[in-house]
């Protein structure tokens, strides 16, 4: 007779369920530990521990909001939206092109 044949089938199922529940309980306890459940918390009504150092002879100045211009730099090349090829239809030199920048 085999050893597994002597163990009742219901016990194998119960043991499997207990193993799954044990692993699940360990995962839940680990998550609770990582969330800080088992560490002492600070009381909301507690007074702050440190109040800072006293100002001895320091000049106190009021704070003012000012607008500062923003300047950004970038590396790259500028390319036109539309490209225009200017060429002479005649086989001669182009002396003057009557256009302005931005046209």
PDB file of N, CA and C in Angstrom:
ATOM      1  N   UNK A   1       0.816  -1.180   0.000  1.00  0.00           N
ATOM      2  CA  UNK A   1       0.000   0.000   0.000  1.00  0.00           C
ATOM      3  C   UNK A   1       0.863   1.248   0.000  1.00  0.00           C
ATOM      4  N   UNK A   2       0.433   2.238  -0.760  1.00  0.00           N
ATOM      5  CA  UNK A   2       1.159   3.501  -0.856  1.00  0.00           C
ATOM      6  C   UNK A   2       0.770   4.405   0.313  1.00  0.00           C
ATOM      7  N   UNK A   3       1.699   5.300   0.708  1.00  0.00           N
ATOM      8  CA  UNK A   3       1.447   6.198   1.842  1.00  0.00           C
ATOM      9  C   UNK A   3       0.306   7.159   1.520  1.00  0.00           C
ATOM     10  N   UNK A   4       0.241   7.657   0.292  1.00  0.00           N
ATOM     11  CA  UNK A   4      -0.800   8.625  -0.062  1.00  0.00           C
ATOM     12  C   UNK A   4      -2.177   7.986  -0.122  1.00  0.00           C
ATOM     13  N   UNK A   5      -2.242   6.693  -0.307  1.00  0.00           N
ATOM     14  CA  UNK A   5      -3.553   6.043  -0.347  1.00  0.00           C
ATOM     15  C   UNK A   5      -4.154   5.912   1.049  1.00  0.00           C
ATOM     16  N   UNK A   6      -3.332   5.956   2.107  1.00  0.00           N
ATOM     17  CA  UNK A   6      -3.844   5.846   3.467  1.00  0.00           C
ATOM     18  C   UNK A   6      -4.346   7.180   4.001  1.00  0.00           C
ATOM     19  N   UNK A   7      -3.912   8.322   3.393  1.00  0.00           N
ATOM     20  CA  UNK A   7      -4.367   9.636   3.840  1.00  0.00           C
ATOM     21  C   UNK A   7      -5.724   9.903   3.205  1.00  0.00           C
ATOM     22  N   UNK A   8      -6.704  10.294   4.020  1.00  0.00           N
ATOM     23  CA  UNK A   8      -8.024  10.557   3.442  1.00  0.00           C
ATOM     24  C   UNK A   8      -7.975  11.733   2.461  1.00  0.00           C
ATOM     25  N   UNK A   9      -8.827  11.659   1.454  1.00  0.00           N
ATOM     26  CA  UNK A   9      -8.844  12.687   0.419  1.00  0.00           C
ATOM     27  C   UNK A   9      -9.271  14.035   0.992  1.00  0.00           C
ATOM     28  N   UNK A  10     -10.153  14.043   1.963  1.00  0.00           N
ATOM     29  CA  UNK A  10     -10.611  15.307   2.544  1.00  0.00           C
ATOM     30  C   UNK A  10      -9.470  16.011   3.263  1.00  0.00           C
ATOM     31  N   UNK A  11      -8.540  15.229   3.842  1.00  0.00           N
ATOM     32  CA  UNK A  11      -7.413  15.848   4.550  1.00  0.00           C
ATOM     33  C   UNK A  11      -6.467  16.551   3.567  1.00  0.00           C
ATOM     34  N   UNK A  12      -6.286  16.014   2.380  1.00  0.00           N
ATOM     35  CA  UNK A  12      -5.441  16.639   1.359  1.00  0.00           C
ATOM     36  C   UNK A  12      -6.051  17.974   0.936  1.00  0.00           C
ATOM     37  N   UNK A  13      -7.375  17.995   0.780  1.00  0.00           N
ATOM     38  CA  UNK A  13      -8.055  19.239   0.402  1.00  0.00           C
ATOM     39  C   UNK A  13      -7.952  20.264   1.523  1.00  0.00           C
ATOM     40  N   UNK A  14      -8.174  19.841   2.767  1.00  0.00           N
ATOM     41  CA  UNK A  14      -8.088  20.760   3.915  1.00  0.00           C
ATOM     42  C   UNK A  14      -6.668  21.293   4.050  1.00  0.00           C
ATOM     43  N   UNK A  15      -5.683  20.426   3.873  1.00  0.00           N
ATOM     44  CA  UNK A  15      -4.294  20.875   3.967  1.00  0.00           C
ATOM     45  C   UNK A  15      -3.973  21.896   2.879  1.00  0.00           C
ATOM     46  N   UNK A  16      -4.444  21.693   1.664  1.00  0.00           N
ATOM     47  CA  UNK A  16      -4.225  22.653   0.580  1.00  0.00           C
ATOM     48  C   UNK A  16      -4.870  23.998   0.879  1.00  0.00           C
ATOM     49  N   UNK A  17      -6.098  23.962   1.411  1.00  0.00           N
ATOM     50  CA  UNK A  17      -6.788  25.211   1.770  1.00  0.00           C
ATOM     51  C   UNK A  17      -6.034  25.920   2.887  1.00  0.00           C
ATOM     52  N   UNK A  18      -5.542  25.181   3.876  1.00  0.00           N
ATOM     53  CA  UNK A  18      -4.792  25.795   4.978  1.00  0.00           C
ATOM     54  C   UNK A  18      -3.486  26.420   4.489  1.00  0.00           C
ATOM     55  N   UNK A  19      -2.814  25.785   3.550  1.00  0.00           N
ATOM     56  CA  UNK A  19      -1.578  26.348   2.995  1.00  0.00           C
ATOM     57  C   UNK A  19      -1.883  27.647   2.263  1.00  0.00           C
ATOM     58  N   UNK A  20      -2.943  27.658   1.459  1.00  0.00           N
ATOM     59  CA  UNK A  20      -3.318  28.877   0.726  1.00  0.00           C
ATOM     60  C   UNK A  20      -3.686  29.987   1.702  1.00  0.00           C
ATOM     61  N   UNK A  21      -4.464  29.676   2.730  1.00  0.00           N
ATOM     62  CA  UNK A  21      -4.839  30.690   3.726  1.00  0.00           C
ATOM     63  C   UNK A  21      -3.621  31.190   4.503  1.00  0.00           C
ATOM     64  N   UNK A  22      -2.676  30.301   4.794  1.00  0.00           N
ATOM     65  CA  UNK A  22      -1.456  30.721   5.490  1.00  0.00           C
ATOM     66  C   UNK A  22      -0.619  31.674   4.655  1.00  0.00           C
ATOM     67  N   UNK A  23      -0.452  31.361   3.381  1.00  0.00           N
ATOM     68  CA  UNK A  23       0.304  32.248   2.489  1.00  0.00           C
ATOM     69  C   UNK A  23      -0.414  33.582   2.349  1.00  0.00           C
ATOM     70  N   UNK A  24      -1.739  33.555   2.222  1.00  0.00           N
ATOM     71  CA  UNK A  24      -2.518  34.786   2.121  1.00  0.00           C
ATOM     72  C   UNK A  24      -2.376  35.625   3.389  1.00  0.00           C
ATOM     73  N   UNK A  25      -2.398  34.972   4.554  1.00  0.00           N
ATOM     74  CA  UNK A  25      -2.227  35.699   5.813  1.00  0.00           C
ATOM     75  C   UNK A  25      -0.840  36.331   5.888  1.00  0.00           C
ATOM     76  N   UNK A  26       0.192  35.627   5.434  1.00  0.00           N
ATOM     77  CA  UNK A  26       1.539  36.197   5.433  1.00  0.00           C
ATOM     78  C   UNK A  26       1.631  37.409   4.511  1.00  0.00           C
ATOM     79  N   UNK A  27       1.003  37.331   3.347  1.00  0.00           N
ATOM     80  CA  UNK A  27       1.021  38.462   2.413  1.00  0.00           C
ATOM     81  C   UNK A  27       0.296  39.658   3.020  1.00  0.00           C
ATOM     82  N   UNK A  28      -0.852  39.419   3.658  1.00  0.00           N
ATOM     83  CA  UNK A  28      -1.603  40.517   4.287  1.00  0.00           C
ATOM     84  C   UNK A  28      -0.790  41.131   5.418  1.00  0.00           C
ATOM     85  N   UNK A  29      -0.154  40.319   6.249  1.00  0.00           N
ATOM     86  CA  UNK A  29       0.673  40.848   7.340  1.00  0.00           C
ATOM     87  C   UNK A  29       1.863  41.637   6.803  1.00  0.00           C
ATOM     88  N   UNK A  30       2.471  41.173   5.730  1.00  0.00           N
ATOM     89  CA  UNK A  30       3.581  41.901   5.126  1.00  0.00           C
ATOM     90  C   UNK A  30       3.114  43.249   4.589  1.00  0.00           C
ATOM     91  N   UNK A  31       1.963  43.288   3.930  1.00  0.00           N
ATOM     92  CA  UNK A  31       1.428  44.549   3.414  1.00  0.00           C
ATOM     93  C   UNK A  31       1.093  45.505   4.557  1.00  0.00           C
ATOM     94  N   UNK A  32       0.518  44.995   5.638  1.00  0.00           N
ATOM     95  CA  UNK A  32       0.220  45.845   6.797  1.00  0.00           C
ATOM     96  C   UNK A  32       1.503  46.397   7.408  1.00  0.00           C
ATOM     97  N   UNK A  33       2.545  45.587   7.462  1.00  0.00           N
ATOM     98  CA  UNK A  33       3.829  46.052   7.991  1.00  0.00           C
ATOM     99  C   UNK A  33       4.414  47.144   7.106  1.00  0.00           C
ATOM    100  N   UNK A  34       4.349  46.946   5.784  1.00  0.00           N
ATOM    101  CA  UNK A  34       4.896  47.940   4.865  1.00  0.00           C
ATOM    102  C   UNK A  34       4.093  49.239   4.890  1.00  0.00           C
ATOM    103  N   UNK A  35       2.802  49.179   5.231  1.00  0.00           N
ATOM    104  CA  UNK A  35       1.989  50.391   5.339  1.00  0.00           C
ATOM    105  C   UNK A  35       2.230  51.114   6.658  1.00  0.00           C
ATOM    106  N   UNK A  36       2.931  50.498   7.600  1.00  0.00           N
ATOM    107  CA  UNK A  36       3.235  51.151   8.864  1.00  0.00           C
ATOM    108  C   UNK A  36       2.190  50.932   9.933  1.00  0.00           C
ATOM    109  N   UNK A  37       1.393  49.893   9.815  1.00  0.00           N
ATOM    110  CA  UNK A  37       0.334  49.632  10.783  1.00  0.00           C
ATOM    111  C   UNK A  37       0.897  49.299  12.161  1.00  0.00           C
ATOM    112  N   UNK A  38       2.031  48.662  12.221  1.00  0.00           N
ATOM    113  CA  UNK A  38       2.582  48.203  13.493  1.00  0.00           C
ATOM    114  C   UNK A  38       3.560  49.191  14.119  1.00  0.00           C
ATOM    115  N   UNK A  39       3.693  50.387  13.534  1.00  0.00           N
ATOM    116  CA  UNK A  39       4.587  51.407  14.076  1.00  0.00           C
ATOM    117  C   UNK A  39       3.767  52.472  14.792  1.00  0.00           C
ATOM    118  N   UNK A  40       4.313  53.071  15.854  1.00  0.00           N
ATOM    119  CA  UNK A  40       3.555  54.121  16.555  1.00  0.00           C
ATOM    120  C   UNK A  40       3.378  55.348  15.667  1.00  0.00           C
ATOM    121  N   UNK A  41       2.216  55.976  15.785  1.00  0.00           N
ATOM    122  CA  UNK A  41       1.895  57.157  14.988  1.00  0.00           C
ATOM    123  C   UNK A  41       2.035  58.413  15.847  1.00  0.00           C
ATOM    124  N   UNK A  42       2.088  59.570  15.182  1.00  0.00           N
ATOM    125  CA  UNK A  42       2.144  60.850  15.883  1.00  0.00           C
ATOM    126  C   UNK A  42       0.722  61.276  16.198  1.00  0.00           C
ATOM    127  N   UNK A  43       0.489  61.688  17.436  1.00  0.00           N
ATOM    128  CA  UNK A  43      -0.826  62.141  17.863  1.00  0.00           C
ATOM    129  C   UNK A  43      -1.162  63.457  17.168  1.00  0.00           C
ATOM    130  N   UNK A  44      -2.347  63.589  16.555  1.00  0.00           N
ATOM    131  CA  UNK A  44      -2.686  64.831  15.854  1.00  0.00           C
ATOM    132  C   UNK A  44      -2.757  66.047  16.774  1.00  0.00           C
ATOM    133  N   UNK A  45      -3.117  65.862  18.053  1.00  0.00           N
ATOM    134  CA  UNK A  45      -3.200  66.985  18.982  1.00  0.00           C
ATOM    135  C   UNK A  45      -1.869  67.289  19.663  1.00  0.00           C
ATOM    136  N   UNK A  46      -0.844  66.534  19.371  1.00  0.00           N
ATOM    137  CA  UNK A  46       0.447  66.744  20.023  1.00  0.00           C
ATOM    138  C   UNK A  46       1.074  68.049  19.544  1.00  0.00           C
ATOM    139  N   UNK A  47       1.751  68.722  20.470  1.00  0.00           N
ATOM    140  CA  UNK A  47       2.437  69.961  20.116  1.00  0.00           C
ATOM    141  C   UNK A  47       3.720  69.620  19.367  1.00  0.00           C
ATOM    142  N   UNK A  48       4.153  70.515  18.469  1.00  0.00           N
ATOM    143  CA  UNK A  48       5.394  70.240  17.748  1.00  0.00           C
ATOM    144  C   UNK A  48       6.586  70.166  18.702  1.00  0.00           C
ATOM    145  N   UNK A  49       7.518  69.289  18.398  1.00  0.00           N
ATOM    146  CA  UNK A  49       8.667  69.083  19.277  1.00  0.00           C
ATOM    147  C   UNK A  49       9.632  70.258  19.224  1.00  0.00           C
ATOM    148  N   UNK A  50       9.909  70.783  18.047  1.00  0.00           N
ATOM    149  CA  UNK A  50      10.868  71.874  17.914  1.00  0.00           C
ATOM    150  C   UNK A  50      10.148  73.108  17.379  1.00  0.00           C
ATOM    151  N   UNK A  51      10.448  74.262  17.967  1.00  0.00           N
ATOM    152  CA  UNK A  51       9.811  75.500  17.519  1.00  0.00           C
ATOM    153  C   UNK A  51      10.754  76.333  16.678  1.00  0.00           C
ATOM    154  N   UNK A  52      11.974  75.898  16.483  1.00  0.00           N
ATOM    155  CA  UNK A  52      12.939  76.667  15.705  1.00  0.00           C
ATOM    156  C   UNK A  52      13.817  77.498  16.622  1.00  0.00           C
ATOM    157  N   UNK A  53      14.824  78.132  16.045  1.00  0.00           N
ATOM    158  CA  UNK A  53      15.716  78.946  16.867  1.00  0.00           C
ATOM    159  C   UNK A  53      15.227  80.386  16.872  1.00  0.00           C
ATOM    160  N   UNK A  54      15.471  81.094  17.931  1.00  0.00           N
ATOM    161  CA  UNK A  54      14.985  82.476  18.020  1.00  0.00           C
ATOM    162  C   UNK A  54      15.766  83.409  17.091  1.00  0.00           C
ATOM    163  N   UNK A  55      15.089  84.451  16.594  1.00  0.00           N
ATOM    164  CA  UNK A  55      15.716  85.451  15.743  1.00  0.00           C
ATOM    165  C   UNK A  55      16.394  86.482  16.635  1.00  0.00           C
ATOM    166  N   UNK A  56      17.686  86.444  16.694  1.00  0.00           N
ATOM    167  CA  UNK A  56      18.406  87.404  17.530  1.00  0.00           C
ATOM    168  C   UNK A  56      19.119  88.403  16.628  1.00  0.00           C
ATOM    169  N   UNK A  57      18.553  89.595  16.523  1.00  0.00           N
ATOM    170  CA  UNK A  57      19.179  90.647  15.736  1.00  0.00           C
ATOM    171  C   UNK A  57      19.031  90.478  14.241  1.00  0.00           C
ATOM    172  N   UNK A  58      18.180  89.587  13.792  1.00  0.00           N
ATOM    173  CA  UNK A  58      17.992  89.386  12.359  1.00  0.00           C
ATOM    174  C   UNK A  58      16.962  90.373  11.839  1.00  0.00           C
ATOM    175  N   UNK A  59      17.145  90.823  10.606  1.00  0.00           N
ATOM    176  CA  UNK A  59      16.217  91.770  10.001  1.00  0.00           C
ATOM    177  C   UNK A  59      15.084  90.988   9.330  1.00  0.00           C
ATOM    178  N   UNK A  60      13.861  91.359   9.647  1.00  0.00           N
ATOM    179  CA  UNK A  60      12.694  90.705   9.080  1.00  0.00           C
ATOM    180  C   UNK A  60      12.179  91.561   7.931  1.00  0.00           C
ATOM    181  N   UNK A  61      11.973  90.944   6.774  1.00  0.00           N
ATOM    182  CA  UNK A  61      11.534  91.656   5.579  1.00  0.00           C
ATOM    183  C   UNK A  61      10.240  91.020   5.091  1.00  0.00           C
ATOM    184  N   UNK A  62       9.295  91.865   4.648  1.00  0.00           N
ATOM    185  CA  UNK A  62       8.034  91.353   4.114  1.00  0.00           C
ATOM    186  C   UNK A  62       8.278  90.707   2.750  1.00  0.00           C
ATOM    187  N   UNK A  63       7.531  89.691   2.468  1.00  0.00           N
ATOM    188  CA  UNK A  63       7.666  88.965   1.212  1.00  0.00           C
ATOM    189  C   UNK A  63       6.767  89.613   0.170  1.00  0.00           C
ATOM    190  N   UNK A  64       7.303  89.818  -1.036  1.00  0.00           N
ATOM    191  CA  UNK A  64       6.534  90.393  -2.132  1.00  0.00           C
ATOM    192  C   UNK A  64       6.545  89.423  -3.310  1.00  0.00           C
ATOM    193  N   UNK A  65       5.419  89.352  -3.994  1.00  0.00           N
ATOM    194  CA  UNK A  65       5.341  88.528  -5.202  1.00  0.00           C
ATOM    195  C   UNK A  65       5.730  89.386  -6.396  1.00  0.00           C
ATOM    196  N   UNK A  66       6.688  88.911  -7.191  1.00  0.00           N
ATOM    197  CA  UNK A  66       7.109  89.641  -8.382  1.00  0.00           C
ATOM    198  C   UNK A  66       7.010  88.713  -9.587  1.00  0.00           C
ATOM    199  N   UNK A  67       6.877  89.314 -10.749  1.00  0.00           N
ATOM    200  CA  UNK A  67       6.824  88.542 -11.988  1.00  0.00           C
ATOM    201  C   UNK A  67       8.209  88.523 -12.612  1.00  0.00           C
ATOM    202  N   UNK A  68       8.708  87.346 -12.872  1.00  0.00           N
ATOM    203  CA  UNK A  68      10.037  87.183 -13.445  1.00  0.00           C
ATOM    204  C   UNK A  68       9.863  86.627 -14.860  1.00  0.00           C
ATOM    205  N   UNK A  69      10.476  87.261 -15.867  1.00  0.00           N
ATOM    206  CA  UNK A  69      10.342  86.719 -17.224  1.00  0.00           C
ATOM    207  C   UNK A  69      11.041  85.363 -17.341  1.00  0.00           C
ATOM    208  N   UNK A  70      10.416  84.487 -18.078  1.00  0.00           N
ATOM    209  CA  UNK A  70      10.955  83.141 -18.257  1.00  0.00           C
ATOM    210  C   UNK A  70      11.692  83.084 -19.589  1.00  0.00           C
ATOM    211  N   UNK A  71      12.916  82.612 -19.542  1.00  0.00           N
ATOM    212  CA  UNK A  71      13.714  82.484 -20.755  1.00  0.00           C
ATOM    213  C   UNK A  71      14.173  81.039 -20.857  1.00  0.00           C
ATOM    214  N   UNK A  72      13.867  80.430 -21.980  1.00  0.00           N
ATOM    215  CA  UNK A  72      14.253  79.040 -22.179  1.00  0.00           C
ATOM    216  C   UNK A  72      15.196  78.943 -23.366  1.00  0.00           C
ATOM    217  N   UNK A  73      16.164  78.090 -23.248  1.00  0.00           N
ATOM    218  CA  UNK A  73      17.090  77.863 -24.349  1.00  0.00           C
ATOM    219  C   UNK A  73      16.918  76.431 -24.835  1.00  0.00           C
ATOM    220  N   UNK A  74      17.163  76.237 -26.117  1.00  0.00           N
ATOM    221  CA  UNK A  74      17.053  74.901 -26.693  1.00  0.00           C
ATOM    222  C   UNK A  74      18.061  74.765 -27.823  1.00  0.00           C
ATOM    223  N   UNK A  75      18.488  73.551 -28.035  1.00  0.00           N
ATOM    224  CA  UNK A  75      19.417  73.261 -29.115  1.00  0.00           C
ATOM    225  C   UNK A  75      18.609  72.685 -30.270  1.00  0.00           C
ATOM    226  N   UNK A  76      18.856  73.192 -31.474  1.00  0.00           N
ATOM    227  CA  UNK A  76      18.128  72.666 -32.620  1.00  0.00           C
ATOM    228  C   UNK A  76      18.348  73.535 -33.834  1.00  0.00           C
ATOM    229  N   UNK A  77      17.559  73.309 -34.835  1.00  0.00           N
ATOM    230  CA  UNK A  77      17.649  74.106 -36.058  1.00  0.00           C
ATOM    231  C   UNK A  77      16.261  74.617 -36.408  1.00  0.00           C
ATOM    232  N   UNK A  78      16.226  75.778 -37.052  1.00  0.00           N
ATOM    233  CA  UNK A  78      14.976  76.395 -37.457  1.00  0.00           C
ATOM    234  C   UNK A  78      14.718  76.028 -38.907  1.00  0.00           C
ATOM    235  N   UNK A  79      13.515  75.565 -39.182  1.00  0.00           N
ATOM    236  CA  UNK A  79      13.153  75.188 -40.538  1.00  0.00           C
ATOM    237  C   UNK A  79      11.872  75.923 -40.917  1.00  0.00           C
ATOM    238  N   UNK A  80      11.772  76.390 -42.162  1.00  0.00           N
ATOM    239  CA  UNK A  80      10.573  77.119 -42.576  1.00  0.00           C
ATOM    240  C   UNK A  80       9.371  76.189 -42.716  1.00  0.00           C
ATOM    241  N   UNK A  81       8.178  76.792 -42.621  1.00  0.00           N
ATOM    242  CA  UNK A  81       6.960  76.017 -42.802  1.00  0.00           C
ATOM    243  C   UNK A  81       6.795  75.653 -44.273  1.00  0.00           C
ATOM    244  N   UNK A  82       7.033  76.630 -45.155  1.00  0.00           N
ATOM    245  CA  UNK A  82       6.939  76.404 -46.601  1.00  0.00           C
ATOM    246  C   UNK A  82       8.302  76.677 -47.220  1.00  0.00           C
ATOM    247  N   UNK A  83       8.704  75.850 -48.145  1.00  0.00           N
ATOM    248  CA  UNK A  83       9.991  76.043 -48.802  1.00  0.00           C
ATOM    249  C   UNK A  83       9.754  76.611 -50.196  1.00  0.00           C
ATOM    250  N   UNK A  84      10.530  77.616 -50.538  1.00  0.00           N
ATOM    251  CA  UNK A  84      10.401  78.253 -51.849  1.00  0.00           C
ATOM    252  C   UNK A  84      11.752  78.200 -52.529  1.00  0.00           C
ATOM    253  N   UNK A  85      11.781  77.672 -53.734  1.00  0.00           N
ATOM    254  CA  UNK A  85      13.005  77.673 -54.533  1.00  0.00           C
ATOM    255  C   UNK A  85      12.925  78.840 -55.506  1.00  0.00           C
ATOM    256  N   UNK A  86      13.885  79.740 -55.407  1.00  0.00           N
ATOM    257  CA  UNK A  86      13.928  80.895 -56.297  1.00  0.00           C
ATOM    258  C   UNK A  86      15.002  80.629 -57.337  1.00  0.00           C
ATOM    259  N   UNK A  87      14.591  80.682 -58.586  1.00  0.00           N
ATOM    260  CA  UNK A  87      15.533  80.452 -59.678  1.00  0.00           C
ATOM    261  C   UNK A  87      15.139  81.322 -60.862  1.00  0.00           C
ATOM    262  N   UNK A  88      16.087  81.623 -61.643  1.00  0.00           N
ATOM    263  CA  UNK A  88      15.839  82.445 -62.831  1.00  0.00           C
ATOM    264  C   UNK A  88      15.340  81.563 -63.956  1.00  0.00           C
ATOM    265  N   UNK A  89      14.340  82.074 -64.675  1.00  0.00           N
ATOM    266  CA  UNK A  89      13.853  81.333 -65.833  1.00  0.00           C
ATOM    267  C   UNK A  89      14.731  81.603 -67.046  1.00  0.00           C
ATOM    268  N   UNK A  90      15.481  82.651 -66.939  1.00  0.00           N
ATOM    269  CA  UNK A  90      16.416  82.973 -68.013  1.00  0.00           C
ATOM    270  C   UNK A  90      17.810  82.546 -67.588  1.00  0.00           C
ATOM    271  N   UNK A  91      18.651  82.354 -68.517  1.00  0.00           N
ATOM    272  CA  UNK A  91      20.022  82.006 -68.183  1.00  0.00           C
ATOM    273  C   UNK A  91      20.818  83.287 -67.982  1.00  0.00           C
ATOM    274  N   UNK A  92      20.476  84.004 -66.966  1.00  0.00           N
ATOM    275  CA  UNK A  92      21.161  85.257 -66.660  1.00  0.00           C
ATOM    276  C   UNK A  92      21.295  85.364 -65.151  1.00  0.00           C
ATOM    277  N   UNK A  93      22.027  86.366 -64.684  1.00  0.00           N
ATOM    278  CA  UNK A  93      22.207  86.582 -63.260  1.00  0.00           C
ATOM    279  C   UNK A  93      20.973  87.244 -62.672  1.00  0.00           C
ATOM    280  N   UNK A  94      20.604  86.835 -61.464  1.00  0.00           N
ATOM    281  CA  UNK A  94      19.532  87.501 -60.730  1.00  0.00           C
ATOM    282  C   UNK A  94      20.183  88.636 -59.965  1.00  0.00           C
ATOM    283  N   UNK A  95      19.781  89.867 -60.272  1.00  0.00           N
ATOM    284  CA  UNK A  95      20.396  91.025 -59.616  1.00  0.00           C
ATOM    285  C   UNK A  95      19.643  91.432 -58.361  1.00  0.00           C
ATOM    286  N   UNK A  96      18.296  91.454 -58.408  1.00  0.00           N
ATOM    287  CA  UNK A  96      17.502  91.928 -57.276  1.00  0.00           C
ATOM    288  C   UNK A  96      16.311  90.987 -57.095  1.00  0.00           C
ATOM    289  N   UNK A  97      16.016  90.671 -55.838  1.00  0.00           N
ATOM    290  CA  UNK A  97      14.802  89.930 -55.501  1.00  0.00           C
ATOM    291  C   UNK A  97      13.996  90.847 -54.601  1.00  0.00           C
ATOM    292  N   UNK A  98      12.837  91.315 -55.087  1.00  0.00           N
ATOM    293  CA  UNK A  98      12.030  92.285 -54.354  1.00  0.00           C
ATOM    294  C   UNK A  98      11.066  91.579 -53.394  1.00  0.00           C
ATOM    295  N   UNK A  99      11.600  91.026 -52.333  1.00  0.00           N
ATOM    296  CA  UNK A  99      10.763  90.458 -51.275  1.00  0.00           C
ATOM    297  C   UNK A  99      11.366  90.861 -49.944  1.00  0.00           C
ATOM    298  N   UNK A 100      10.552  90.795 -48.933  1.00  0.00           N
ATOM    299  CA  UNK A 100      11.019  91.087 -47.577  1.00  0.00           C
ATOM    300  C   UNK A 100      10.967  89.806 -46.742  1.00  0.00           C
ATOM    301  N   UNK A 101      11.694  89.805 -45.669  1.00  0.00           N
ATOM    302  CA  UNK A 101      11.713  88.647 -44.778  1.00  0.00           C
ATOM    303  C   UNK A 101      10.319  88.436 -44.196  1.00  0.00           C
ATOM    304  N   UNK A 102       9.867  87.230 -44.182  1.00  0.00           N
ATOM    305  CA  UNK A 102       8.561  86.914 -43.639  1.00  0.00           C
ATOM    306  C   UNK A 102       7.481  86.776 -44.690  1.00  0.00           C
ATOM    307  N   UNK A 103       7.762  87.111 -45.949  1.00  0.00           N
ATOM    308  CA  UNK A 103       6.741  86.986 -46.996  1.00  0.00           C
ATOM    309  C   UNK A 103       6.647  85.550 -47.457  1.00  0.00           C
TER     310      UNK A 103
END
